Amino acid sequence: MSDQLRKGTRVSGASRADLAAELKSRYDGGESIRSLAAATGRSYGFVHRLLGEAGVELRGRGGATRKA
């Protein structure tokens, strides 16, 4: 993302679709929602919602799992 969006500014229309496509590409490339939020200056919830709108299948949370 070349320029950070100002926090709290409304993102709509074509710019929202462009941002969603870019975030989808980066998320599919392995970046986390938190890193995308930090890079864009937006909240975790905003990025999460935008990825959902873009039709992204979100990854699991990861971490250690328990074996039976």
Protein backbone atom coordinates (compact mmCIF):
# COMPACT_ATOMS: atom_id res chain seq x y z
CA MET A 1 0.00 0.00 0.00
CA SER A 2 1.74 3.12 -1.19
CA ASP A 3 -0.14 5.61 0.96
CA GLN A 4 -1.84 5.01 4.26
CA LEU A 5 -5.50 5.79 4.55
CA ARG A 6 -6.32 8.29 7.23
CA LYS A 7 -7.81 6.54 10.22
CA GLY A 8 -11.56 6.93 10.36
CA THR A 9 -12.03 8.12 6.79
CA ARG A 10 -14.83 6.39 4.92
CA VAL A 11 -13.76 4.07 2.12
CA SER A 12 -16.48 3.43 -0.44
CA GLY A 13 -17.13 2.75 -4.09
CA ALA A 14 -14.26 1.94 -6.42
CA SER A 15 -11.58 2.77 -3.84
CA ARG A 16 -13.14 0.24 -1.43
CA ALA A 17 -13.19 -2.43 -4.14
CA ASP A 18 -9.57 -1.67 -5.06
CA LEU A 19 -8.49 -1.85 -1.41
CA ALA A 20 -10.40 -5.11 -0.91
CA ALA A 21 -8.70 -6.65 -3.97
CA GLU A 22 -5.26 -5.57 -2.77
CA LEU A 23 -5.84 -6.86 0.75
CA LYS A 24 -7.20 -10.14 -0.63
CA SER A 25 -4.09 -10.60 -2.73
CA ARG A 26 -1.78 -9.86 0.20
CA TYR A 27 -3.75 -12.09 2.60
CA ASP A 28 -3.73 -14.94 0.07
CA GLY A 29 0.03 -14.36 -0.17
CA GLY A 30 0.41 -15.13 3.54
CA GLU A 31 0.15 -11.80 5.35
CA SER A 32 -1.90 -11.72 8.54
CA ILE A 33 -4.95 -9.57 9.15
CA ARG A 34 -3.05 -7.76 11.91
CA SER A 35 -0.12 -6.94 9.63
CA LEU A 36 -2.51 -5.71 6.91
CA ALA A 37 -4.30 -3.54 9.47
CA ALA A 38 -1.00 -2.05 10.62
CA ALA A 39 0.17 -1.45 7.05
CA THR A 40 -3.05 0.33 6.04
CA GLY A 41 -3.61 2.23 9.27
CA ARG A 42 -7.04 0.63 9.66
CA SER A 43 -8.47 -1.51 12.44
CA TYR A 44 -8.36 -5.30 12.57
CA GLY A 45 -12.17 -5.34 12.33
CA PHE A 46 -12.20 -3.17 9.21
CA VAL A 47 -9.68 -5.39 7.43
CA HIS A 48 -11.50 -8.55 8.57
CA ARG A 49 -14.82 -7.17 7.26
CA LEU A 50 -13.29 -6.07 3.95
CA LEU A 51 -11.72 -9.49 3.40
CA GLY A 52 -15.13 -11.05 4.04
CA GLU A 53 -16.69 -8.72 1.47
CA ALA A 54 -14.00 -9.78 -1.00
CA GLY A 55 -14.98 -13.43 -0.55
CA VAL A 56 -11.77 -14.51 1.16
CA GLU A 57 -11.80 -17.82 3.01
CA LEU A 58 -10.09 -16.89 6.27
CA ARG A 59 -7.35 -19.09 7.68
CA GLY A 60 -7.58 -20.72 11.08
CA ARG A 61 -5.92 -19.09 14.06
CA GLY A 62 -3.01 -21.53 14.10
CA GLY A 63 -0.88 -22.10 17.13
CA ALA A 64 -0.39 -25.30 19.08
CA THR A 65 -3.12 -27.89 18.97
CA ARG A 66 -3.83 -30.58 21.47
CA LYS A 67 -3.54 -34.23 20.54
CA ALA A 68 -5.83 -36.81 22.16
